[in-house]
Protein backbone atom coordinates (compact mmCIF):
# COMPACT_ATOMS: atom_id res chain seq x y z
CA UNK A 1 117.62 36.98 1.34
CA UNK A 2 117.73 38.63 -2.08
CA UNK A 3 114.80 40.64 -3.39
CA UNK A 4 114.52 42.04 -6.88
CA UNK A 5 113.25 45.58 -7.38
CA UNK A 6 111.52 44.93 -10.72
CA UNK A 7 109.84 41.69 -9.62
CA UNK A 8 108.72 43.13 -6.29
CA UNK A 9 107.50 46.24 -8.14
CA UNK A 10 105.33 44.10 -10.44
CA UNK A 11 103.77 42.37 -7.43
CA UNK A 12 103.27 45.64 -5.56
CA UNK A 13 101.40 46.97 -8.58
CA UNK A 14 99.23 43.84 -8.52
CA UNK A 15 98.45 44.47 -4.84
CA UNK A 16 97.64 48.15 -5.48
CA UNK A 17 95.36 47.56 -8.49
CA UNK A 18 93.24 44.94 -6.72
CA UNK A 19 93.48 46.26 -3.16
CA UNK A 20 95.25 43.18 -1.79
CA UNK A 21 96.42 44.30 1.65
CA UNK A 22 97.69 40.87 2.73
CA UNK A 23 99.92 40.74 -0.35
CA UNK A 24 101.19 44.27 0.36
CA UNK A 25 102.10 43.18 3.89
CA UNK A 26 104.10 40.18 2.70
CA UNK A 27 105.96 42.25 0.10
CA UNK A 28 106.85 44.83 2.76
CA UNK A 29 108.46 42.18 4.96
CA UNK A 30 112.06 41.79 3.85
CA UNK A 31 112.31 38.55 5.86
CA UNK A 32 109.31 36.89 4.24
CA UNK A 33 109.76 33.35 2.97
CA UNK A 34 108.42 34.64 -0.32
CA UNK A 35 111.83 35.86 -1.46
CA UNK A 36 113.36 32.38 -1.21
CA UNK A 37 110.37 30.61 -2.74
CA UNK A 38 110.21 28.97 -6.16
CA UNK A 39 107.33 31.20 -7.30
CA UNK A 40 109.28 34.41 -6.60
CA UNK A 41 112.59 33.17 -8.01
CA UNK A 42 110.93 31.83 -11.19
CA UNK A 43 109.14 35.15 -11.73
CA UNK A 44 112.37 37.06 -11.00
CA UNK A 45 114.25 35.02 -13.62
CA UNK A 46 111.51 35.56 -16.21
CA UNK A 47 111.55 39.29 -15.47
CA UNK A 48 115.34 39.42 -15.78
CA UNK A 49 115.19 37.65 -19.16
CA UNK A 50 112.60 40.13 -20.42
CA UNK A 51 114.60 43.21 -19.44
CA UNK A 52 118.03 41.91 -20.48
CA UNK A 53 119.67 42.84 -23.78
CA UNK A 54 119.32 40.51 -26.71
CA UNK A 55 116.65 38.15 -28.00
CA UNK A 56 114.08 37.71 -25.21
CA UNK A 57 112.96 34.28 -26.41
CA UNK A 58 116.56 33.06 -26.26
CA UNK A 59 117.14 34.71 -22.89
CA UNK A 60 114.08 32.94 -21.48
CA UNK A 61 115.94 29.64 -21.96
CA UNK A 62 118.30 30.83 -19.22
CA UNK A 63 115.49 31.48 -16.70
CA UNK A 64 115.91 29.01 -13.79
CA UNK A 65 113.70 28.02 -10.89
CA UNK A 66 114.82 27.73 -7.25
CA UNK A 67 116.34 24.30 -7.97
CA UNK A 68 118.44 25.58 -10.86
CA UNK A 69 116.30 23.92 -13.53
CA UNK A 70 115.26 25.84 -16.66
CA UNK A 71 111.71 27.18 -16.21
CA UNK A 72 110.69 26.56 -19.82
CA UNK A 73 112.53 23.33 -20.64
CA UNK A 74 110.82 20.32 -22.16
CA UNK A 75 114.07 18.35 -22.31
CA UNK A 76 117.14 20.39 -21.35
CA UNK A 77 119.82 17.85 -22.41
CA UNK A 78 118.25 17.75 -25.88
CA UNK A 79 117.91 21.55 -25.95
CA UNK A 80 114.11 21.45 -26.19
CA UNK A 81 112.15 24.34 -24.69
CA UNK A 82 108.57 25.56 -24.92
CA UNK A 83 108.94 29.28 -25.53
CA UNK A 84 106.52 30.85 -27.99
CA UNK A 85 105.95 34.41 -26.81
CA UNK A 86 107.46 37.18 -24.74
CA UNK A 87 105.78 37.79 -21.38
CA UNK A 88 103.46 40.80 -21.15
CA UNK A 89 103.34 41.83 -17.49
CA UNK A 90 100.70 44.55 -17.93
CA UNK A 91 98.43 42.19 -19.83
CA UNK A 92 98.95 39.56 -17.12
CA UNK A 93 97.94 42.14 -14.52
CA UNK A 94 94.64 42.77 -16.32
CA UNK A 95 94.03 39.06 -16.84
CA UNK A 96 94.20 38.49 -13.07
CA UNK A 97 90.65 39.87 -12.89
CA UNK A 98 89.46 36.63 -14.56
CA UNK A 99 91.07 34.57 -11.78
CA UNK A 100 90.11 36.67 -8.77
CA UNK A 101 89.20 33.48 -6.89
CA UNK A 102 92.81 33.56 -5.66
CA UNK A 103 92.30 36.93 -3.95
CA UNK A 104 90.40 35.22 -1.12
CA UNK A 105 93.20 32.68 -0.68
CA UNK A 106 96.75 33.29 0.56
CA UNK A 107 99.38 35.69 -0.82
CA UNK A 108 101.16 32.58 -2.11
CA UNK A 109 98.16 31.67 -4.28
CA UNK A 110 97.85 35.23 -5.59
CA UNK A 111 101.48 35.30 -6.71
CA UNK A 112 101.32 31.74 -8.04
CA UNK A 113 98.30 32.67 -10.14
CA UNK A 114 100.14 35.65 -11.61
CA UNK A 115 103.13 33.39 -12.37
CA UNK A 116 100.80 30.87 -14.06
CA UNK A 117 99.33 33.63 -16.23
CA UNK A 118 102.83 34.74 -17.27
CA UNK A 119 104.06 31.18 -17.95
CA UNK A 120 100.92 30.45 -19.97
CA UNK A 121 101.68 33.53 -22.08
CA UNK A 122 105.22 32.33 -22.79
CA UNK A 123 104.27 28.71 -23.51
CA UNK A 124 101.22 29.63 -25.61
CA UNK A 125 98.52 28.05 -23.45
CA UNK A 126 95.17 29.61 -22.53
CA UNK A 127 94.39 29.04 -18.87
CA UNK A 128 90.66 29.04 -19.54
CA UNK A 129 91.12 26.11 -21.96
CA UNK A 130 93.17 24.16 -19.42
CA UNK A 131 90.46 24.70 -16.80
CA UNK A 132 87.77 23.64 -19.27
CA UNK A 133 89.58 20.34 -19.88
CA UNK A 134 90.01 19.87 -16.14
CA UNK A 135 86.32 20.49 -15.46
CA UNK A 136 85.27 17.95 -18.07
CA UNK A 137 87.60 15.42 -16.44
CA UNK A 138 86.03 15.98 -13.01
CA UNK A 139 82.48 15.85 -14.41
CA UNK A 140 83.30 12.50 -16.03
CA UNK A 141 84.79 11.28 -12.75
CA UNK A 142 81.63 12.22 -10.84
CA UNK A 143 79.43 10.44 -13.38
CA UNK A 144 81.57 7.30 -13.21
CA UNK A 145 81.70 7.35 -9.39
CA UNK A 146 77.91 7.58 -9.12
CA UNK A 147 77.63 4.51 -11.35
CA UNK A 148 80.39 2.37 -9.88
CA UNK A 149 81.01 3.37 -6.25
CA UNK A 150 78.28 2.29 -3.81
CA UNK A 151 79.52 4.88 -1.30
CA UNK A 152 78.31 7.69 -3.59
CA UNK A 153 74.74 9.02 -3.46
CA UNK A 154 73.36 11.53 -5.95
CA UNK A 155 70.92 12.88 -3.37
CA UNK A 156 73.72 13.90 -1.00
CA UNK A 157 76.37 14.72 -3.58
CA UNK A 158 76.98 18.26 -2.31
CA UNK A 159 76.64 19.92 1.07
CA UNK A 160 76.77 23.33 2.75
CA UNK A 161 79.95 22.31 4.58
CA UNK A 162 82.34 20.67 2.11
CA UNK A 163 85.80 19.66 3.30
CA UNK A 164 89.23 19.51 1.69
CA UNK A 165 90.98 16.25 2.56
CA UNK A 166 94.78 16.30 2.34
CA UNK A 167 96.31 12.79 2.46
CA UNK A 168 99.93 12.59 3.62
CA UNK A 169 101.77 9.35 2.87
CA UNK A 170 104.18 7.66 0.46
CA UNK A 171 103.23 5.25 -2.33
CA UNK A 172 101.47 2.11 -1.16
CA UNK A 173 100.35 3.55 2.19
CA UNK A 174 96.62 3.12 1.52
CA UNK A 175 95.51 6.45 0.05
CA UNK A 176 93.60 4.88 -2.85
CA UNK A 177 92.02 2.27 -0.58
CA UNK A 178 90.81 5.01 1.76
CA UNK A 179 89.55 7.17 -1.09
CA UNK A 180 87.22 4.42 -2.31
CA UNK A 181 85.50 4.51 1.09
CA UNK A 182 84.94 8.29 1.05
CA UNK A 183 81.35 9.01 -0.05
CA UNK A 184 80.76 11.85 -2.51
CA UNK A 185 84.36 13.11 -2.36
CA UNK A 186 85.89 14.33 -5.62
CA UNK A 187 89.38 13.04 -6.41
CA UNK A 188 91.47 15.92 -7.78
CA UNK A 189 94.88 14.50 -8.64
CA UNK A 190 97.81 16.40 -10.12
CA UNK A 191 99.03 13.20 -11.80
CA UNK A 192 95.69 12.84 -13.58
CA UNK A 193 95.51 16.54 -14.49
CA UNK A 194 99.12 16.71 -15.66
CA UNK A 195 98.62 13.72 -17.96
CA UNK A 196 95.31 15.08 -19.24
CA UNK A 197 96.78 18.47 -20.14
CA UNK A 198 100.37 17.72 -21.13
CA UNK A 199 100.72 14.09 -22.22
CA UNK A 200 101.99 15.31 -25.62
CA UNK A 201 105.16 16.42 -23.77
CA UNK A 202 105.62 13.11 -21.96
CA UNK A 203 104.58 14.64 -19.51
CA UNK A 204 108.00 16.17 -18.96
CA UNK A 205 107.72 17.15 -15.25
CA UNK A 206 109.58 20.41 -15.81
CA UNK A 207 108.99 23.76 -14.11
CA UNK A 208 106.42 25.36 -16.42
CA UNK A 209 104.43 22.12 -16.67
CA UNK A 210 104.34 21.65 -12.90
CA UNK A 211 103.33 25.27 -12.35
CA UNK A 212 100.40 25.05 -14.78
CA UNK A 213 99.35 21.55 -13.62
CA UNK A 214 99.22 22.49 -9.95
CA UNK A 215 97.56 25.81 -10.73
CA UNK A 216 94.75 24.00 -12.57
CA UNK A 217 94.45 21.56 -9.64
CA UNK A 218 94.09 24.45 -7.19
CA UNK A 219 91.57 26.21 -9.43
CA UNK A 220 89.50 23.02 -9.68
CA UNK A 221 89.67 22.58 -5.91
CA UNK A 222 88.28 26.06 -5.38
CA UNK A 223 85.61 25.60 -8.06
CA UNK A 224 84.30 22.33 -6.65
CA UNK A 225 84.44 23.37 -3.01
CA UNK A 226 82.52 26.53 -3.93
CA UNK A 227 79.88 24.24 -5.49
CA UNK A 228 79.56 22.21 -2.29
CA UNK A 229 81.71 19.21 -3.21
CA UNK A 230 84.19 17.76 -0.76
CA UNK A 231 87.62 17.22 -2.36
CA UNK A 232 90.43 14.68 -1.98
CA UNK A 233 93.70 16.54 -2.75
CA UNK A 234 95.38 13.50 -4.24
CA UNK A 235 99.15 13.25 -3.94
CA UNK A 236 101.79 12.00 -1.54
CA UNK A 237 101.91 15.46 0.11
CA UNK A 238 104.76 14.31 2.36
CA UNK A 239 106.76 17.54 1.97
CA UNK A 240 105.67 20.19 4.49
CA UNK A 241 106.95 22.99 2.24
CA UNK A 242 104.83 21.78 -0.68
CA UNK A 243 101.60 21.27 1.22
CA UNK A 244 101.78 24.35 3.49
CA UNK A 245 100.33 26.67 0.80
CA UNK A 246 97.12 24.65 1.27
CA UNK A 247 97.28 23.36 4.86
CA UNK A 248 98.84 26.49 6.43
CA UNK A 249 100.94 24.28 8.74
CA UNK A 250 103.71 26.84 8.24
CA UNK A 251 102.56 30.00 10.04
CA UNK A 252 104.37 32.40 7.71
CA UNK A 253 101.86 35.05 6.48
CA UNK A 254 102.73 33.99 2.92
CA UNK A 255 100.61 30.85 3.39
CA UNK A 256 97.81 32.09 5.62
CA UNK A 257 94.22 32.84 4.61
CA UNK A 258 92.84 29.59 3.11
CA UNK A 259 89.09 29.54 3.89
CA UNK A 260 88.52 25.78 3.43
CA UNK A 261 87.68 23.24 6.13
CA UNK A 262 90.92 21.26 5.82
CA UNK A 263 91.31 17.69 7.13
CA UNK A 264 94.84 16.27 7.08
CA UNK A 265 95.03 12.46 6.91
CA UNK A 266 98.38 11.03 7.96
CA UNK A 267 99.19 7.47 6.93
CA UNK A 268 101.68 5.84 9.26
CA UNK A 269 104.88 4.57 7.57
CA UNK A 270 105.29 0.79 7.22
CA UNK A 271 107.97 0.65 9.96
CA UNK A 272 108.82 2.56 13.11
CA UNK A 273 112.38 3.84 12.70
CA UNK A 274 114.53 5.30 15.43
CA UNK A 275 116.87 8.20 14.67
CA UNK A 276 119.81 5.96 13.73
CA UNK A 277 117.68 3.83 11.40
CA UNK A 278 116.23 6.91 9.71
CA UNK A 279 119.73 8.30 9.16
CA UNK A 280 120.77 4.93 7.73
CA UNK A 281 117.84 5.05 5.30
CA UNK A 282 118.70 8.61 4.25
CA UNK A 283 122.31 7.61 3.59
CA UNK A 284 121.26 5.10 0.90
CA UNK A 285 121.76 6.66 -2.55
CA UNK A 286 119.27 5.22 -5.01
CA UNK A 287 120.30 7.69 -7.71
CA UNK A 288 123.78 6.21 -8.01
CA UNK A 289 122.82 2.62 -7.12
CA UNK A 290 120.35 0.42 -8.97
CA UNK A 291 117.98 -0.93 -6.32
CA UNK A 292 117.42 -4.06 -8.42
CA UNK A 293 121.09 -5.00 -8.02
CA UNK A 294 121.62 -3.98 -4.38
CA UNK A 295 122.38 -6.43 -1.57
CA UNK A 296 119.78 -5.40 0.99
CA UNK A 297 121.01 -7.87 3.61
CA UNK A 298 123.79 -5.48 4.67
CA UNK A 299 121.25 -3.04 6.11
CA UNK A 300 119.46 -3.22 9.44
CA UNK A 301 116.22 -5.23 9.42
CA UNK A 302 113.75 -2.34 9.25
CA UNK A 303 115.74 -0.33 6.70
CA UNK A 304 116.12 -3.44 4.54
CA UNK A 305 112.35 -3.94 4.79
CA UNK A 306 111.69 -0.41 3.58
CA UNK A 307 114.16 -0.77 0.71
CA UNK A 308 112.52 -4.06 -0.28
CA UNK A 309 109.13 -2.31 -0.28
CA UNK A 310 110.55 0.51 -2.44
CA UNK A 311 112.07 -2.02 -4.85
CA UNK A 312 108.81 -3.95 -5.19
CA UNK A 313 106.84 -0.74 -5.70
CA UNK A 314 109.29 0.48 -8.33
CA UNK A 315 109.36 -2.85 -10.23
CA UNK A 316 105.57 -3.19 -10.12
CA UNK A 317 105.10 0.36 -11.42
CA UNK A 318 107.75 -0.18 -14.10
CA UNK A 319 106.03 -3.34 -15.31
CA UNK A 320 102.60 -1.72 -15.41
CA UNK A 321 103.85 1.33 -17.33
CA UNK A 322 105.61 -0.96 -19.83
CA UNK A 323 102.32 -2.77 -20.41
CA UNK A 324 100.61 0.56 -21.02
CA UNK A 325 103.32 1.90 -23.36
CA UNK A 326 103.34 -1.37 -25.33
CA UNK A 327 99.58 -1.25 -25.77
CA UNK A 328 98.86 -4.37 -23.68
CA UNK A 329 96.92 -2.24 -21.19
CA UNK A 330 95.30 1.17 -21.34
CA UNK A 331 96.05 4.09 -19.06
CA UNK A 332 93.19 4.67 -16.63
CA UNK A 333 92.35 8.40 -17.00
CA UNK A 334 91.15 8.52 -13.39
CA UNK A 335 94.19 6.73 -11.95
CA UNK A 336 97.20 7.73 -14.02
CA UNK A 337 100.32 5.65 -13.47
CA UNK A 338 103.86 6.94 -13.92
CA UNK A 339 107.13 5.06 -13.51
CA UNK A 340 108.48 6.97 -10.51
CA UNK A 341 112.25 6.56 -9.92
CA UNK A 342 113.18 4.57 -6.82
CA UNK A 343 115.10 7.60 -5.49
CA UNK A 344 111.93 9.69 -5.53
CA UNK A 345 109.90 6.95 -3.82
CA UNK A 346 112.57 6.77 -1.09
CA UNK A 347 112.43 10.55 -0.59
CA UNK A 348 108.67 10.37 -0.07
CA UNK A 349 109.13 7.53 2.43
CA UNK A 350 111.73 9.55 4.36
CA UNK A 351 109.45 12.59 4.46
CA UNK A 352 106.54 10.45 5.62
CA UNK A 353 108.21 10.08 9.03
CA UNK A 354 107.51 13.79 9.69
CA UNK A 355 104.12 13.50 11.32
CA UNK A 356 101.75 16.47 11.03
CA UNK A 357 100.17 17.65 14.26
CA UNK A 358 96.97 19.47 15.10
CA UNK A 359 93.26 19.05 15.80
CA UNK A 360 92.48 18.61 12.10
CA UNK A 361 94.84 15.61 11.70
CA UNK A 362 93.50 12.05 11.46
CA UNK A 363 96.05 9.25 11.77
CA UNK A 364 95.50 6.09 9.72
CA UNK A 365 97.23 3.26 11.54
CA UNK A 366 99.41 1.00 9.41
CA UNK A 367 97.82 -2.45 9.35
CA UNK A 368 98.30 -5.61 7.35
CA UNK A 369 94.76 -6.63 6.40
CA UNK A 370 94.83 -9.36 3.72
CA UNK A 371 91.09 -10.05 4.12
CA UNK A 372 89.24 -7.65 1.73
CA UNK A 373 86.13 -7.29 3.88
CA UNK A 374 88.20 -6.57 6.99
CA UNK A 375 90.29 -4.07 5.06
CA UNK A 376 87.20 -2.29 3.67
CA UNK A 377 85.68 -2.12 7.15
CA UNK A 378 88.84 -0.58 8.59
CA UNK A 379 89.11 2.11 5.91
CA UNK A 380 85.39 2.81 6.08
CA UNK A 381 85.76 3.55 9.78
CA UNK A 382 88.69 5.87 8.96
CA UNK A 383 86.57 7.66 6.33
CA UNK A 384 83.77 8.17 8.86
CA UNK A 385 86.22 9.64 11.36
CA UNK A 386 87.67 12.04 8.78
CA UNK A 387 84.27 13.31 7.69
CA UNK A 388 82.75 13.54 11.18
């Protein structure tokens, strides 16, 4: 596990200035998961670029995240990057005072906030402006929900005991259907926020954009929970590593300290797979093979069923995004739709077989309910169980 003296020194200074004992403890543990994490490696690469010889702005193009992708790329094959300024680590340290909400969260959130401040410096964004846009989006969502969703009630919009609901399930599992039955719960979606903030870049789904998008999501979550709103943390959330900074399912001290009342909602996969069937599914390479052209009959029945579901989801999403890009339909700002590659959809499905455990987990049984009233009744009962 490789630590970097300069990067660790920057974070130790952050802990000293603001009296963050839990961050000091993590930094003192040479075996902490921090030192293999994307947030640490990205910051380490940015720091190395700053202190290396030569043009810093050019060196920043070489900064890579944990996956080997350029931190500041917009489109790497085309040589497009978003690098406007050199990082200023001392200025970032002072700016952390504006975002001290993260100090009551986990060490992960503290470091991630510092990284977001630094990446905003380099890319030329103002975090306060991104948050302002995000807040307007959520205010508009609340207004629309009060008008259109009969489950919402202005008189009981906030409470003294708000909850953070973390859905876990791949595309098409029923997350949106459940959400519509949750009264007075604010939908905070990274897809929506990313599109709102960075649609001029595609969005491009690169490292800096993801960092800033998710940071704004987490800031909005904290803002609205502190105001008494319950929140739906909208995403597939099938990867334990990605959701642990919120759910604390991983007991590493890096992730501990979230003060929210967290409810995990696990959506059962469409099929029960045994170990051999799951391995068969994982062996299918949808990056090298076009799912539209594949002969699915050569796979076992359940695996073929999952691949058929993935194909249908992919084709349906592709068609809808084409209609939006051609101007036939408009993008719904509260339900942004991206054309997600079939390989990514399959990864989420694979991960969805890892079932979270614990007293705060509600399991939504997979059911085929073609009758709308029966379906609404089922998800309403699930919503009541989650909020009870």
